Amino acid sequence: METINKGFHLTDKHIADYKRTGFVLLKQFFSAEMIDYLRYRVNEELETPTDLYQKGFDKLRYDLCNGDEVVFELISNPDFKKVMADLTERSLFFTQGVGFGLKKNLSKGFTWHIESQSFGFNRSEDYGTTLWAPLHRVDTKGQGGGMRYVPRDIISGEFMYDFIDPAVFRCMAERIANGGIEFDEYVALRDEPLNSPGIGRLLEYFSVEDDYELGDVLLFDKYVIHRSVPLGEGPLDIRDAFSLRFIADDSLYDLERARSIEIPRDHYGYAGPTKFHLEICSVDGSKIVDSPYFDSDRERRYMAV
């Protein structure tokens, strides 16, 4: 299968934009065949969210396309590897695919956030990046349904990984030990650091929202604060999207951070969308790429600079 368009050309501006802002829009990057394939897989495998915190999506699935031959074909494509290496200047390791579905006039998606789930098992300072591909057109002046993202050189989400997320989960654990915490208060702890009136206004003011044709993708690193744009009235009933998560090959496992993700799920008694963060490693500080979890396909996930 042709996974990326042969005519795509990475420019110096692409590289400079990514280095400065933490994100870059790559126009007509995926082939039509790749988009059709991902849409098929997403339609087959998306599920109703079990995690109460993720109810903003109509459908959602982590670990999507795990072991998928087409995804491995993409990762092994020399042109794809060169683009990723030129942009990130790092050796990367593919961890998981994630699919999302927004329903017209119903799904709100996520408010302003960082990727606490997908990058919640490695250290705060370890590099991570996401390749996000909407599987339907996104028209910002029409139906919407895309994303907004804030340039990292204006407001970076690094402080969320360093301080806010650990403090939220510590607060949760201590409140539970001392009698409990209502679910709405937990949601406020998670959402309000980035969605309070003052910070929310700043994020909205500096945010970028792009139109997407089929084949356009966004690469954005883990420190880019972003949010969903609801799918409004228009011809689409559903807007699906697919994300590929990558970490740096020297990333180390953060056992405490990984276990913290389960605190609200254990307390409120609902299942999370994945146990990946607990299954990949068991020893704090171990090198993630060396985990036995990846023994069957480690080399196929790896992209060296």
Protein backbone atom coordinates (compact mmCIF):
# COMPACT_ATOMS: atom_id res chain seq x y z
CA MET A 1 0.00 0.00 0.00
CA GLU A 2 1.15 3.55 -0.71
CA THR A 3 0.98 5.06 2.78
CA ILE A 4 2.23 8.61 2.17
CA ASN A 5 1.99 10.73 -0.95
CA LYS A 6 5.08 10.50 -3.13
CA GLY A 7 4.81 14.19 -3.95
CA PHE A 8 5.02 15.39 -0.36
CA HIS A 9 8.03 17.61 0.29
CA LEU A 10 9.21 18.69 3.72
CA THR A 11 10.46 22.27 3.77
CA ASP A 12 12.75 24.27 6.01
CA LYS A 13 9.67 26.23 7.12
CA HIS A 14 7.99 23.01 8.29
CA ILE A 15 11.05 22.20 10.39
CA ALA A 16 11.38 25.73 11.80
CA ASP A 17 7.66 25.90 12.65
CA TYR A 18 7.75 22.59 14.49
CA LYS A 19 10.87 23.54 16.42
CA ARG A 20 9.34 26.88 17.47
CA THR A 21 5.69 26.07 18.13
CA GLY A 22 5.76 22.32 18.82
CA PHE A 23 3.34 21.57 15.98
CA VAL A 24 3.26 21.57 12.19
CA LEU A 25 0.50 20.96 9.65
CA LEU A 26 1.63 18.67 6.83
CA LYS A 27 -0.66 19.11 3.83
CA GLN A 28 -1.47 16.06 1.71
CA PHE A 29 0.88 13.82 3.67
CA PHE A 30 -1.12 10.58 3.88
CA SER A 31 -2.28 8.94 0.67
CA ALA A 32 -5.98 8.50 -0.11
CA GLU A 33 -5.45 4.76 0.27
CA MET A 34 -4.02 5.22 3.77
CA ILE A 35 -6.93 7.44 4.84
CA ASP A 36 -9.44 4.88 3.52
CA TYR A 37 -7.67 2.11 5.41
CA LEU A 38 -7.55 4.02 8.69
CA ARG A 39 -11.21 4.98 8.35
CA TYR A 40 -12.06 1.31 7.85
CA ARG A 41 -10.08 0.28 10.97
CA VAL A 42 -11.56 3.06 13.06
CA ASN A 43 -15.10 2.16 11.99
CA GLU A 44 -14.46 -1.48 12.86
CA GLU A 45 -12.88 -0.96 16.27
CA LEU A 46 -14.07 2.25 17.95
CA GLU A 47 -16.04 1.68 21.16
CA THR A 48 -18.22 3.70 23.50
CA PRO A 49 -15.88 5.18 26.15
CA THR A 50 -15.80 3.37 29.49
CA ASP A 51 -13.79 6.07 31.28
CA LEU A 52 -16.24 8.64 32.66
CA TYR A 53 -13.67 11.38 32.12
CA GLN A 54 -13.64 10.63 28.37
CA LYS A 55 -17.40 10.79 27.78
CA GLY A 56 -16.94 13.84 25.56
CA PHE A 57 -16.33 11.47 22.66
CA ASP A 58 -18.99 9.36 20.96
CA LYS A 59 -16.43 6.63 20.22
CA LEU A 60 -12.88 6.08 21.38
CA ARG A 61 -10.25 3.32 21.28
CA TYR A 62 -6.69 3.10 22.61
CA ASP A 63 -4.23 0.47 21.34
CA LEU A 64 -5.91 0.73 17.95
CA CYS A 65 -4.06 -1.01 15.10
CA ASN A 66 -1.68 -2.69 17.54
CA GLY A 67 0.44 -5.04 15.42
CA ASP A 68 -1.17 -3.72 12.24
CA GLU A 69 0.82 -4.51 9.09
CA VAL A 70 -0.14 -1.28 7.32
CA VAL A 71 0.96 0.84 10.28
CA PHE A 72 4.27 -1.06 10.34
CA GLU A 73 4.56 -0.47 6.61
CA LEU A 74 4.14 3.25 7.24
CA ILE A 75 6.78 3.26 9.99
CA SER A 76 9.26 1.38 7.77
CA ASN A 77 8.72 3.72 4.81
CA PRO A 78 12.06 5.54 4.25
CA ASP A 79 10.29 8.77 3.27
CA PHE A 80 8.17 8.69 6.42
CA LYS A 81 11.17 7.99 8.61
CA LYS A 82 13.11 10.86 7.05
CA VAL A 83 10.26 13.34 7.60
CA MET A 84 9.91 12.31 11.24
CA ALA A 85 13.66 12.40 11.83
CA ASP A 86 14.07 15.81 10.17
CA LEU A 87 11.25 17.28 12.25
CA THR A 88 11.99 15.73 15.65
CA GLU A 89 15.77 15.21 15.39
CA ARG A 90 15.33 12.09 17.53
CA SER A 91 15.15 8.34 17.24
CA LEU A 92 11.50 7.48 17.82
CA PHE A 93 9.55 4.46 19.00
CA PHE A 94 5.88 3.86 18.12
CA THR A 95 3.84 3.05 21.22
CA GLN A 96 0.16 2.95 20.29
CA GLY A 97 -2.60 4.07 17.97
CA VAL A 98 -5.69 5.90 19.24
CA GLY A 99 -8.98 6.49 17.47
CA PHE A 100 -11.58 9.17 18.27
CA GLY A 101 -15.10 9.83 17.03
CA LEU A 102 -17.11 13.05 17.44
CA LYS A 103 -20.87 12.98 16.83
CA LYS A 104 -22.65 15.93 15.27
CA ASN A 105 -24.20 18.36 17.77
CA LEU A 106 -23.52 15.98 20.67
CA SER A 107 -19.85 15.24 21.28
CA LYS A 108 -17.73 17.94 22.88
CA GLY A 109 -14.46 15.98 22.86
CA PHE A 110 -11.81 17.18 25.31
CA THR A 111 -11.46 20.67 26.72
CA TRP A 112 -7.93 22.16 26.93
CA HIS A 113 -5.61 19.35 27.95
CA ILE A 114 -2.30 17.52 27.59
CA GLU A 115 -1.91 13.80 26.90
CA SER A 116 -1.97 12.53 30.49
CA GLN A 117 -2.99 9.05 29.32
CA SER A 118 -0.79 8.48 26.28
CA PHE A 119 2.35 10.04 27.79
CA GLY A 120 1.54 9.26 31.40
CA PHE A 121 3.96 6.37 31.78
CA ASN A 122 7.29 8.05 30.96
CA ARG A 123 9.10 10.85 32.73
CA SER A 124 7.87 14.40 32.35
CA GLU A 125 11.07 15.44 30.54
CA ASP A 126 11.00 12.52 28.08
CA TYR A 127 10.09 13.48 24.53
CA GLY A 128 6.79 12.41 23.02
CA THR A 129 4.90 13.40 19.88
CA THR A 130 1.62 12.62 18.12
CA LEU A 131 0.74 12.36 14.44
CA TRP A 132 -2.97 13.23 14.21
CA ALA A 133 -4.96 12.51 11.05
CA PRO A 134 -8.62 13.53 10.73
CA LEU A 135 -10.44 10.97 8.58
CA HIS A 136 -13.02 13.47 7.33
CA ARG A 137 -12.64 17.02 6.06
CA VAL A 138 -12.47 19.76 8.67
CA ASP A 139 -13.95 23.15 7.74
CA THR A 140 -13.34 25.73 10.45
CA LYS A 141 -15.90 28.16 8.98
CA GLY A 142 -18.45 25.41 8.48
CA GLN A 143 -19.10 22.34 10.58
CA GLY A 144 -15.88 22.44 12.60
CA GLY A 145 -14.89 19.21 14.28
CA GLY A 146 -11.12 19.77 14.25
CA MET A 147 -8.72 20.90 16.96
CA ARG A 148 -7.28 24.05 18.42
CA TYR A 149 -3.68 24.12 19.60
CA VAL A 150 -1.49 26.71 21.26
CA PRO A 151 2.08 27.44 20.13
CA ARG A 152 4.49 26.04 22.68
CA ASP A 153 6.68 29.13 22.52
CA ILE A 154 3.73 31.17 23.84
CA ILE A 155 2.25 28.78 26.44
CA SER A 156 3.83 25.38 26.99
CA GLY A 157 2.14 22.50 28.75
CA GLU A 158 5.39 21.36 30.33
CA PHE A 159 4.27 22.68 33.72
CA MET A 160 1.27 20.35 33.55
CA TYR A 161 3.50 17.28 33.32
CA ASP A 162 6.00 18.63 35.85
CA PHE A 163 3.65 19.87 38.56
CA ILE A 164 -0.10 19.97 37.94
CA ASP A 165 -0.81 16.35 36.97
CA PRO A 166 1.25 14.91 39.86
CA ALA A 167 -0.41 17.36 42.28
CA VAL A 168 -3.91 16.46 41.05
CA PHE A 169 -3.37 12.73 41.52
CA ARG A 170 -1.70 13.28 44.91
CA CYS A 171 -4.66 15.38 45.99
CA MET A 172 -6.98 12.62 44.76
CA ALA A 173 -5.14 9.93 46.71
CA GLU A 174 -5.06 11.98 49.92
CA ARG A 175 -8.71 12.98 49.64
CA ILE A 176 -9.71 9.34 49.09
CA ALA A 177 -7.66 8.26 52.11
CA ASN A 178 -9.46 10.89 54.20
CA GLY A 179 -12.99 10.05 53.20
CA GLY A 180 -13.39 10.50 49.46
CA ILE A 181 -14.02 13.09 46.76
CA GLU A 182 -17.08 13.67 44.58
CA PHE A 183 -16.69 12.91 40.88
CA ASP A 184 -17.57 16.46 39.82
CA GLU A 185 -14.84 17.79 42.08
CA TYR A 186 -12.34 15.36 40.54
CA VAL A 187 -13.28 16.56 37.05
CA ALA A 188 -12.79 20.15 38.20
CA LEU A 189 -9.32 19.26 39.51
CA ARG A 190 -8.43 17.77 36.13
CA ASP A 191 -10.00 20.44 33.92
CA GLU A 192 -9.78 23.78 35.71
CA PRO A 193 -6.00 24.31 35.68
CA LEU A 194 -6.24 24.85 31.90
CA ASN A 195 -9.89 25.82 31.59
CA SER A 196 -10.29 28.43 34.31
CA PRO A 197 -11.46 31.81 32.96
CA GLY A 198 -8.06 33.50 32.90
CA ILE A 199 -5.95 30.73 31.39
CA GLY A 200 -8.83 29.65 29.16
CA ARG A 201 -9.02 33.12 27.63
CA LEU A 202 -5.27 33.17 26.99
CA LEU A 203 -5.34 29.74 25.35
CA GLU A 204 -8.27 30.70 23.14
CA TYR A 205 -6.63 33.99 22.17
CA PHE A 206 -3.34 32.39 21.07
CA SER A 207 -4.80 29.18 19.65
CA VAL A 208 -4.54 28.05 16.04
CA GLU A 209 -7.31 26.19 14.23
CA ASP A 210 -6.73 24.83 10.72
CA ASP A 211 -8.83 23.46 7.89
CA TYR A 212 -8.01 19.88 6.87
CA GLU A 213 -8.46 18.12 3.58
CA LEU A 214 -8.24 14.33 3.50
CA GLY A 215 -4.57 13.39 3.78
CA ASP A 216 -3.55 16.41 5.86
CA VAL A 217 -1.97 15.55 9.23
CA LEU A 218 -0.75 17.41 12.29
CA LEU A 219 2.43 16.55 14.17
CA PHE A 220 2.46 18.00 17.69
CA ASP A 221 4.68 17.27 20.67
CA LYS A 222 3.48 16.37 24.17
CA TYR A 223 3.86 19.91 25.53
CA VAL A 224 1.37 21.42 23.05
CA ILE A 225 -1.86 22.29 24.87
CA HIS A 226 -4.86 21.51 22.67
CA ARG A 227 -8.60 20.93 22.67
CA SER A 228 -11.32 19.43 20.53
CA VAL A 229 -13.61 21.58 18.40
CA PRO A 230 -17.16 20.15 18.53
CA LEU A 231 -18.75 18.93 15.30
CA GLY A 232 -21.61 21.30 14.55
CA GLU A 233 -24.48 21.27 12.10
CA GLY A 234 -23.59 20.10 8.59
CA PRO A 235 -23.29 17.12 6.25
CA LEU A 236 -21.11 14.91 8.49
CA ASP A 237 -22.78 12.84 11.20
CA ILE A 238 -19.42 11.69 12.62
CA ARG A 239 -15.87 13.02 12.44
CA ASP A 240 -13.32 10.29 13.03
CA ALA A 241 -9.60 10.77 13.61
CA PHE A 242 -6.58 8.54 14.15
CA SER A 243 -3.47 9.32 16.19
CA LEU A 244 -0.09 7.60 16.29
CA ARG A 245 1.93 8.15 19.47
CA PHE A 246 5.72 8.13 19.50
CA ILE A 247 8.25 8.43 22.31
CA ALA A 248 12.00 9.03 22.21
CA ASP A 249 13.97 5.79 22.24
CA ASP A 250 15.71 6.75 25.50
CA SER A 251 12.45 7.29 27.44
CA LEU A 252 12.35 5.80 30.94
CA TYR A 253 9.35 4.28 32.71
CA ASP A 254 7.72 6.34 35.48
CA LEU A 255 5.94 3.77 37.65
CA GLU A 256 4.36 6.28 40.05
CA ARG A 257 2.97 8.36 37.19
CA ALA A 258 1.57 5.27 35.48
CA ARG A 259 -0.12 4.03 38.65
CA SER A 260 -1.59 7.47 39.35
CA ILE A 261 -3.72 7.25 36.20
CA GLU A 262 -5.66 4.42 37.85
CA ILE A 263 -6.51 6.29 41.07
CA PRO A 264 -9.87 7.77 39.91
CA ARG A 265 -10.80 4.59 38.00
CA ASP A 266 -10.26 2.43 41.07
CA HIS A 267 -12.09 4.89 43.33
CA TYR A 268 -15.15 5.44 41.12
CA GLY A 269 -15.25 1.85 39.84
CA TYR A 270 -15.08 2.27 36.07
CA ALA A 271 -12.73 0.76 33.51
CA GLY A 272 -10.13 2.84 31.72
CA PRO A 273 -9.68 2.59 27.95
CA THR A 274 -6.34 0.76 28.22
CA LYS A 275 -3.93 -0.90 30.64
CA PHE A 276 -0.99 -0.19 28.34
CA HIS A 277 0.67 2.16 30.82
CA LEU A 278 0.74 -0.62 33.43
CA GLU A 279 1.52 -3.52 31.12
CA ILE A 280 4.59 -2.25 29.29
CA CYS A 281 6.93 -2.14 32.28
CA SER A 282 7.04 -3.01 35.98
CA VAL A 283 10.33 -1.45 37.13
CA ASP A 284 10.59 2.28 37.70
CA GLY A 285 13.32 3.89 35.59
CA SER A 286 13.60 1.00 33.14
CA LYS A 287 14.09 1.77 29.47
CA ILE A 288 10.68 1.48 27.84
CA VAL A 289 11.87 0.21 24.46
CA ASP A 290 13.57 -2.74 26.18
CA SER A 291 10.31 -3.97 27.71
CA PRO A 292 9.35 -7.61 27.01
CA TYR A 293 5.97 -6.19 25.95
CA PHE A 294 7.61 -5.27 22.63
CA ASP A 295 9.62 -8.47 22.09
CA SER A 296 7.52 -9.59 19.12
CA ASP A 297 7.74 -6.36 17.11
CA ARG A 298 10.32 -4.06 18.71
CA GLU A 299 12.36 -3.45 15.56
CA ARG A 300 9.24 -2.68 13.56
CA ARG A 301 8.28 0.09 15.99
CA TYR A 302 11.71 1.73 15.95
CA MET A 303 12.76 4.65 13.75
CA ALA A 304 16.42 5.60 14.11
CA VAL A 305 17.69 9.08 13.28
